[in-house]
Amino acid sequence: MTTTVKVRFAAARDTAANWATANSLLSLGEFGYESDTGKLKVGNGSTRWNSLAYFDGSNAETIRDVIGAALGAGTGLQVVVNDPADTITVQLASGYALPRTGTGTPEGAVTAPVGTLFLRTDGGAGTTLYVKETGSGNTGWAAK
């Protein structure tokens, strides 16, 4: 089962004059946006704002690669840049699972790895939380 997690991505932003005065050091892959000029710089972790080149954005491939590199994978996350499909996907790494929700028992209905939690929205005492304790298919769920 694929889980889609929607996120909002925002760059650090200020006017060109304020960026120049602060001469900030952007982290590796951090975006800095000049709100009055519409120009963008991408940090490398060692060069201050005034010495960074502007990102020209003339090549969609370059944009995808820069964004993909900036989206650092954290524990349990994987960043996949798919150039042929023009997509960037942040997904759970193998062996990690998000809690699932739904109605009815997950036993025989929900396939998940061991350790997955299922929150039953129509459950009662002793049937609201399930834990996948065994197996790799849709069985092995235990009510807690």
N, C-alpha and C. Protein backbone atom coordinates (compact mmCIF):
# COMPACT_ATOMS: atom_id res chain seq x y z
N MET A 1 0.84 -1.18 0.00
CA MET A 1 0.00 0.00 0.00
C MET A 1 0.89 1.24 0.00
N THR A 2 0.66 2.13 -0.93
CA THR A 2 1.42 3.37 -1.01
C THR A 2 0.74 4.43 -0.16
N THR A 3 1.52 5.12 0.66
CA THR A 3 1.00 6.20 1.48
C THR A 3 1.55 7.51 0.94
N THR A 4 0.68 8.44 0.62
CA THR A 4 1.10 9.74 0.13
C THR A 4 1.05 10.73 1.27
N VAL A 5 2.17 11.40 1.50
CA VAL A 5 2.24 12.42 2.53
C VAL A 5 2.48 13.74 1.83
N LYS A 6 1.55 14.66 1.96
CA LYS A 6 1.69 15.97 1.31
C LYS A 6 2.45 16.90 2.23
N VAL A 7 3.39 17.63 1.65
CA VAL A 7 4.18 18.58 2.43
C VAL A 7 4.17 19.93 1.73
N ARG A 8 4.44 20.96 2.49
CA ARG A 8 4.61 22.30 1.94
C ARG A 8 6.08 22.65 2.06
N PHE A 9 6.66 23.10 0.98
CA PHE A 9 8.08 23.43 0.95
C PHE A 9 8.20 24.95 0.86
N ALA A 10 8.96 25.55 1.76
CA ALA A 10 9.16 27.00 1.75
C ALA A 10 10.65 27.31 1.84
N ALA A 11 11.07 28.30 1.07
CA ALA A 11 12.47 28.74 1.10
C ALA A 11 12.59 29.92 2.06
N ALA A 12 13.79 30.11 2.60
CA ALA A 12 14.06 31.33 3.37
C ALA A 12 13.89 32.49 2.40
N ARG A 13 13.28 33.57 2.84
CA ARG A 13 13.01 34.67 1.91
C ARG A 13 13.18 36.02 2.59
N ASP A 14 13.68 36.97 1.81
CA ASP A 14 13.85 38.34 2.27
C ASP A 14 14.14 39.19 1.04
N THR A 15 14.27 40.50 1.23
CA THR A 15 14.60 41.37 0.10
C THR A 15 16.09 41.23 -0.23
N ALA A 16 16.45 41.62 -1.44
CA ALA A 16 17.85 41.55 -1.87
C ALA A 16 18.73 42.37 -0.95
N ALA A 17 18.26 43.55 -0.55
CA ALA A 17 19.06 44.42 0.33
C ALA A 17 19.29 43.76 1.68
N ASN A 18 18.27 43.16 2.24
CA ASN A 18 18.42 42.50 3.54
C ASN A 18 19.35 41.29 3.46
N TRP A 19 19.24 40.50 2.37
CA TRP A 19 20.16 39.37 2.19
C TRP A 19 21.60 39.87 2.12
N ALA A 20 21.81 40.94 1.34
CA ALA A 20 23.18 41.46 1.17
C ALA A 20 23.74 41.98 2.49
N THR A 21 22.92 42.66 3.27
CA THR A 21 23.37 43.18 4.56
C THR A 21 23.70 42.05 5.53
N ALA A 22 22.85 41.04 5.60
CA ALA A 22 23.06 39.92 6.53
C ALA A 22 24.19 39.01 6.06
N ASN A 23 24.36 38.91 4.73
CA ASN A 23 25.39 38.04 4.13
C ASN A 23 25.38 36.65 4.79
N SER A 24 24.20 36.06 4.84
CA SER A 24 23.97 34.79 5.53
C SER A 24 24.74 33.63 4.91
N LEU A 25 24.95 32.61 5.72
CA LEU A 25 25.54 31.35 5.27
C LEU A 25 24.41 30.34 5.19
N LEU A 26 24.05 29.95 3.96
CA LEU A 26 22.99 28.97 3.77
C LEU A 26 23.57 27.56 3.91
N SER A 27 22.82 26.69 4.55
CA SER A 27 23.23 25.30 4.69
C SER A 27 23.24 24.62 3.32
N LEU A 28 23.89 23.49 3.23
CA LEU A 28 23.93 22.72 1.99
C LEU A 28 22.51 22.41 1.52
N GLY A 29 22.17 22.88 0.32
CA GLY A 29 20.86 22.63 -0.25
C GLY A 29 19.77 23.57 0.22
N GLU A 30 20.08 24.50 1.12
CA GLU A 30 19.07 25.44 1.61
C GLU A 30 18.83 26.52 0.56
N PHE A 31 17.57 26.84 0.33
CA PHE A 31 17.20 27.85 -0.65
C PHE A 31 17.05 29.21 0.01
N GLY A 32 17.53 30.25 -0.67
CA GLY A 32 17.32 31.63 -0.24
C GLY A 32 16.68 32.39 -1.39
N TYR A 33 15.54 33.00 -1.13
CA TYR A 33 14.75 33.65 -2.18
C TYR A 33 14.70 35.15 -1.93
N GLU A 34 15.00 35.93 -2.97
CA GLU A 34 14.88 37.38 -2.90
C GLU A 34 13.46 37.74 -3.30
N SER A 35 12.67 38.17 -2.33
CA SER A 35 11.25 38.40 -2.56
C SER A 35 10.97 39.58 -3.49
N ASP A 36 11.90 40.51 -3.61
CA ASP A 36 11.67 41.67 -4.47
C ASP A 36 12.21 41.48 -5.89
N THR A 37 13.17 40.57 -6.08
CA THR A 37 13.74 40.35 -7.42
C THR A 37 13.29 39.03 -8.04
N GLY A 38 12.79 38.11 -7.20
CA GLY A 38 12.39 36.80 -7.70
C GLY A 38 13.56 35.88 -7.95
N LYS A 39 14.76 36.27 -7.50
CA LYS A 39 15.95 35.45 -7.72
C LYS A 39 16.16 34.48 -6.57
N LEU A 40 16.87 33.40 -6.87
CA LEU A 40 17.06 32.32 -5.93
C LEU A 40 18.54 31.93 -5.86
N LYS A 41 19.00 31.63 -4.65
CA LYS A 41 20.34 31.08 -4.45
C LYS A 41 20.19 29.79 -3.66
N VAL A 42 21.12 28.87 -3.89
CA VAL A 42 21.11 27.58 -3.19
C VAL A 42 22.43 27.46 -2.45
N GLY A 43 22.34 27.27 -1.13
CA GLY A 43 23.54 27.21 -0.30
C GLY A 43 24.36 25.95 -0.50
N ASN A 44 25.65 26.08 -0.20
CA ASN A 44 26.55 24.92 -0.26
C ASN A 44 27.16 24.63 1.11
N GLY A 45 26.75 25.39 2.12
CA GLY A 45 27.23 25.16 3.47
C GLY A 45 28.53 25.86 3.81
N SER A 46 29.17 26.50 2.83
CA SER A 46 30.45 27.15 3.12
C SER A 46 30.60 28.54 2.51
N THR A 47 29.77 28.89 1.54
CA THR A 47 29.88 30.19 0.86
C THR A 47 28.78 31.12 1.34
N ARG A 48 29.16 32.34 1.74
CA ARG A 48 28.18 33.32 2.22
C ARG A 48 27.37 33.88 1.05
N TRP A 49 26.21 34.44 1.40
CA TRP A 49 25.23 34.92 0.44
C TRP A 49 25.85 35.77 -0.67
N ASN A 50 26.61 36.77 -0.31
CA ASN A 50 27.12 37.72 -1.31
C ASN A 50 28.06 37.07 -2.32
N SER A 51 28.62 35.91 -2.01
CA SER A 51 29.53 35.23 -2.93
C SER A 51 28.86 34.08 -3.68
N LEU A 52 27.63 33.73 -3.31
CA LEU A 52 26.91 32.66 -4.01
C LEU A 52 26.38 33.17 -5.34
N ALA A 53 26.44 32.32 -6.35
CA ALA A 53 25.85 32.66 -7.65
C ALA A 53 24.34 32.47 -7.57
N TYR A 54 23.62 33.23 -8.39
CA TYR A 54 22.17 33.03 -8.47
C TYR A 54 21.89 31.74 -9.22
N PHE A 55 20.83 31.08 -8.83
CA PHE A 55 20.37 29.89 -9.53
C PHE A 55 19.53 30.37 -10.69
N ASP A 56 19.91 30.00 -11.93
CA ASP A 56 19.20 30.56 -13.08
C ASP A 56 17.91 29.82 -13.43
N GLY A 57 17.77 28.56 -13.03
CA GLY A 57 16.53 27.83 -13.25
C GLY A 57 16.17 27.62 -14.70
N SER A 58 17.15 27.73 -15.59
CA SER A 58 16.85 27.60 -17.01
C SER A 58 16.70 26.15 -17.45
N ASN A 59 17.05 25.22 -16.59
CA ASN A 59 17.03 23.82 -16.96
C ASN A 59 16.22 23.04 -15.93
N ALA A 60 15.09 22.47 -16.35
CA ALA A 60 14.23 21.73 -15.42
C ALA A 60 14.97 20.56 -14.79
N GLU A 61 15.86 19.94 -15.52
CA GLU A 61 16.65 18.82 -14.98
C GLU A 61 17.50 19.30 -13.81
N THR A 62 18.13 20.45 -13.95
CA THR A 62 18.95 21.00 -12.88
C THR A 62 18.09 21.31 -11.66
N ILE A 63 16.91 21.86 -11.89
CA ILE A 63 16.02 22.19 -10.78
C ILE A 63 15.65 20.93 -10.01
N ARG A 64 15.27 19.86 -10.71
CA ARG A 64 14.92 18.60 -10.03
C ARG A 64 16.10 18.07 -9.23
N ASP A 65 17.30 18.13 -9.81
CA ASP A 65 18.48 17.62 -9.11
C ASP A 65 18.79 18.44 -7.86
N VAL A 66 18.67 19.76 -7.96
CA VAL A 66 18.94 20.62 -6.80
C VAL A 66 17.91 20.36 -5.70
N ILE A 67 16.64 20.29 -6.07
CA ILE A 67 15.61 20.03 -5.07
C ILE A 67 15.80 18.65 -4.46
N GLY A 68 16.08 17.65 -5.29
CA GLY A 68 16.32 16.30 -4.79
C GLY A 68 17.46 16.25 -3.81
N ALA A 69 18.53 16.98 -4.09
CA ALA A 69 19.69 17.01 -3.19
C ALA A 69 19.36 17.75 -1.90
N ALA A 70 18.50 18.76 -2.00
CA ALA A 70 18.15 19.55 -0.82
C ALA A 70 17.23 18.79 0.14
N LEU A 71 16.47 17.87 -0.38
CA LEU A 71 15.56 17.09 0.45
C LEU A 71 16.35 15.95 1.07
N GLY A 72 17.08 16.25 2.12
CA GLY A 72 17.89 15.24 2.78
C GLY A 72 17.02 14.16 3.39
N ALA A 73 17.36 12.92 3.11
CA ALA A 73 16.60 11.81 3.68
C ALA A 73 16.91 11.70 5.16
N GLY A 74 15.89 11.62 5.98
CA GLY A 74 16.06 11.43 7.41
C GLY A 74 15.92 9.96 7.75
N THR A 75 15.95 9.66 9.02
CA THR A 75 15.78 8.28 9.46
C THR A 75 14.45 7.75 8.97
N GLY A 76 14.50 6.66 8.23
CA GLY A 76 13.29 6.03 7.73
C GLY A 76 12.71 6.65 6.48
N LEU A 77 13.38 7.66 5.92
CA LEU A 77 12.90 8.30 4.71
C LEU A 77 13.87 8.08 3.56
N GLN A 78 13.33 8.06 2.37
CA GLN A 78 14.13 7.87 1.17
C GLN A 78 13.68 8.92 0.15
N VAL A 79 14.63 9.60 -0.49
CA VAL A 79 14.32 10.57 -1.53
C VAL A 79 14.65 9.93 -2.87
N VAL A 80 13.65 9.88 -3.76
CA VAL A 80 13.84 9.25 -5.07
C VAL A 80 13.61 10.30 -6.15
N VAL A 81 14.66 10.61 -6.92
CA VAL A 81 14.55 11.52 -8.05
C VAL A 81 14.42 10.65 -9.30
N ASN A 82 13.28 10.76 -9.97
CA ASN A 82 13.02 9.96 -11.17
C ASN A 82 13.05 10.91 -12.36
N ASP A 83 14.21 11.01 -13.01
CA ASP A 83 14.37 11.93 -14.12
C ASP A 83 13.44 11.64 -15.30
N PRO A 84 13.30 10.38 -15.74
CA PRO A 84 12.41 10.13 -16.89
C PRO A 84 10.96 10.54 -16.62
N ALA A 85 10.51 10.38 -15.38
CA ALA A 85 9.12 10.72 -15.05
C ALA A 85 8.97 12.16 -14.56
N ASP A 86 10.10 12.88 -14.41
CA ASP A 86 10.08 14.26 -13.91
C ASP A 86 9.42 14.37 -12.55
N THR A 87 9.77 13.45 -11.63
CA THR A 87 9.19 13.47 -10.30
C THR A 87 10.25 13.36 -9.22
N ILE A 88 9.92 13.87 -8.06
CA ILE A 88 10.72 13.68 -6.85
C ILE A 88 9.76 13.14 -5.81
N THR A 89 10.10 12.00 -5.22
CA THR A 89 9.24 11.36 -4.24
C THR A 89 9.99 11.19 -2.94
N VAL A 90 9.37 11.60 -1.84
CA VAL A 90 9.90 11.32 -0.51
C VAL A 90 9.01 10.23 0.05
N GLN A 91 9.61 9.08 0.36
CA GLN A 91 8.82 7.94 0.81
C GLN A 91 9.48 7.27 2.00
N LEU A 92 8.73 6.42 2.65
CA LEU A 92 9.28 5.65 3.76
C LEU A 92 10.29 4.66 3.21
N ALA A 93 11.40 4.54 3.89
CA ALA A 93 12.41 3.56 3.49
C ALA A 93 11.92 2.16 3.82
N SER A 94 12.51 1.19 3.18
CA SER A 94 12.15 -0.21 3.42
C SER A 94 12.28 -0.53 4.90
N GLY A 95 11.29 -1.21 5.44
CA GLY A 95 11.32 -1.60 6.85
C GLY A 95 10.64 -0.62 7.78
N TYR A 96 10.14 0.50 7.26
CA TYR A 96 9.44 1.49 8.08
C TYR A 96 7.97 1.53 7.67
N ALA A 97 7.10 1.84 8.60
CA ALA A 97 5.68 1.89 8.30
C ALA A 97 4.99 2.99 9.09
N LEU A 98 4.05 3.64 8.46
CA LEU A 98 3.21 4.63 9.13
C LEU A 98 2.04 3.91 9.79
N PRO A 99 1.51 4.46 10.88
CA PRO A 99 0.29 3.87 11.44
C PRO A 99 -0.82 3.92 10.39
N ARG A 100 -1.65 2.93 10.39
CA ARG A 100 -2.78 2.86 9.46
C ARG A 100 -4.06 3.14 10.24
N THR A 101 -5.07 3.60 9.56
CA THR A 101 -6.37 3.81 10.19
C THR A 101 -7.46 3.22 9.30
N GLY A 102 -8.58 2.89 9.90
CA GLY A 102 -9.70 2.38 9.13
C GLY A 102 -10.76 1.82 10.04
N THR A 103 -11.80 1.26 9.42
CA THR A 103 -12.88 0.66 10.18
C THR A 103 -12.77 -0.85 10.12
N GLY A 104 -13.30 -1.51 11.12
CA GLY A 104 -13.26 -2.97 11.16
C GLY A 104 -11.88 -3.47 11.52
N THR A 105 -11.78 -4.77 11.73
CA THR A 105 -10.50 -5.37 12.09
C THR A 105 -9.56 -5.40 10.88
N PRO A 106 -8.27 -5.18 11.09
CA PRO A 106 -7.32 -5.28 9.98
C PRO A 106 -7.01 -6.74 9.62
N GLU A 107 -7.32 -7.66 10.51
CA GLU A 107 -7.02 -9.08 10.29
C GLU A 107 -7.69 -9.57 9.00
N GLY A 108 -6.87 -10.05 8.08
CA GLY A 108 -7.38 -10.54 6.81
C GLY A 108 -7.68 -9.45 5.80
N ALA A 109 -7.46 -8.18 6.17
CA ALA A 109 -7.82 -7.08 5.28
C ALA A 109 -6.68 -6.12 4.98
N VAL A 110 -5.73 -5.96 5.91
CA VAL A 110 -4.67 -4.96 5.75
C VAL A 110 -3.31 -5.65 5.71
N THR A 111 -2.59 -5.50 4.61
CA THR A 111 -1.25 -6.05 4.47
C THR A 111 -0.25 -5.01 4.96
N ALA A 112 0.66 -5.44 5.84
CA ALA A 112 1.64 -4.51 6.41
C ALA A 112 2.79 -5.30 7.01
N PRO A 113 3.95 -4.64 7.21
CA PRO A 113 5.07 -5.32 7.87
C PRO A 113 4.86 -5.43 9.38
N VAL A 114 5.53 -6.38 9.99
CA VAL A 114 5.48 -6.56 11.44
C VAL A 114 5.88 -5.25 12.11
N GLY A 115 5.15 -4.88 13.17
CA GLY A 115 5.43 -3.64 13.90
C GLY A 115 4.50 -2.50 13.54
N THR A 116 3.71 -2.68 12.48
CA THR A 116 2.79 -1.63 12.05
C THR A 116 1.62 -1.52 13.04
N LEU A 117 1.19 -0.29 13.27
CA LEU A 117 0.03 -0.03 14.12
C LEU A 117 -1.19 0.24 13.25
N PHE A 118 -2.35 -0.21 13.71
CA PHE A 118 -3.62 0.06 13.03
C PHE A 118 -4.57 0.66 14.06
N LEU A 119 -5.07 1.86 13.77
CA LEU A 119 -6.01 2.54 14.66
C LEU A 119 -7.41 2.39 14.09
N ARG A 120 -8.22 1.61 14.78
CA ARG A 120 -9.58 1.32 14.31
C ARG A 120 -10.51 2.44 14.75
N THR A 121 -11.06 3.16 13.77
CA THR A 121 -11.88 4.33 14.08
C THR A 121 -13.26 3.98 14.60
N ASP A 122 -13.69 2.74 14.41
CA ASP A 122 -15.00 2.32 14.94
C ASP A 122 -14.85 1.29 16.06
N GLY A 123 -13.67 1.21 16.65
CA GLY A 123 -13.40 0.21 17.69
C GLY A 123 -13.94 0.62 19.05
N GLY A 124 -13.91 -0.34 19.95
CA GLY A 124 -14.32 -0.10 21.33
C GLY A 124 -13.20 -0.52 22.26
N ALA A 125 -13.54 -0.78 23.51
CA ALA A 125 -12.54 -1.20 24.50
C ALA A 125 -11.84 -2.47 24.01
N GLY A 126 -10.53 -2.42 23.89
CA GLY A 126 -9.75 -3.57 23.47
C GLY A 126 -9.73 -3.82 21.97
N THR A 127 -10.42 -2.99 21.19
CA THR A 127 -10.41 -3.19 19.73
C THR A 127 -10.16 -1.88 18.98
N THR A 128 -9.52 -0.93 19.63
CA THR A 128 -9.21 0.33 18.97
C THR A 128 -7.80 0.33 18.38
N LEU A 129 -6.87 -0.36 19.05
CA LEU A 129 -5.48 -0.42 18.60
C LEU A 129 -5.10 -1.86 18.27
N TYR A 130 -4.53 -2.04 17.08
CA TYR A 130 -4.02 -3.35 16.67
C TYR A 130 -2.54 -3.20 16.35
N VAL A 131 -1.78 -4.27 16.61
CA VAL A 131 -0.36 -4.31 16.29
C VAL A 131 -0.12 -5.51 15.39
N LYS A 132 0.59 -5.30 14.29
CA LYS A 132 0.97 -6.41 13.41
C LYS A 132 2.14 -7.12 14.08
N GLU A 133 1.90 -8.33 14.60
CA GLU A 133 2.91 -9.05 15.38
C GLU A 133 3.64 -10.13 14.60
N THR A 134 2.99 -10.71 13.60
CA THR A 134 3.63 -11.79 12.85
C THR A 134 3.23 -11.74 11.38
N GLY A 135 4.01 -12.42 10.55
CA GLY A 135 3.66 -12.59 9.15
C GLY A 135 4.01 -11.41 8.27
N SER A 136 3.82 -11.64 6.96
CA SER A 136 4.12 -10.59 5.99
C SER A 136 2.91 -10.23 5.15
N GLY A 137 1.81 -10.94 5.30
CA GLY A 137 0.60 -10.67 4.54
C GLY A 137 -0.39 -9.84 5.32
N ASN A 138 -1.67 -10.23 5.21
CA ASN A 138 -2.71 -9.47 5.89
C ASN A 138 -3.21 -10.14 7.16
N THR A 139 -2.48 -11.11 7.67
CA THR A 139 -2.82 -11.74 8.95
C THR A 139 -1.71 -11.48 9.95
N GLY A 140 -1.97 -11.80 11.22
CA GLY A 140 -0.97 -11.60 12.26
C GLY A 140 -1.21 -10.36 13.09
N TRP A 141 -2.40 -9.77 12.98
CA TRP A 141 -2.77 -8.59 13.75
C TRP A 141 -3.29 -8.99 15.12
N ALA A 142 -2.93 -8.25 16.16
CA ALA A 142 -3.41 -8.51 17.51
C ALA A 142 -4.00 -7.24 18.10
N ALA A 143 -5.22 -7.36 18.64
CA ALA A 143 -5.87 -6.22 19.30
C ALA A 143 -5.20 -5.98 20.65
N LYS A 144 -5.03 -4.74 21.01
CA LYS A 144 -4.38 -4.38 22.29
C LYS A 144 -5.31 -3.54 23.13
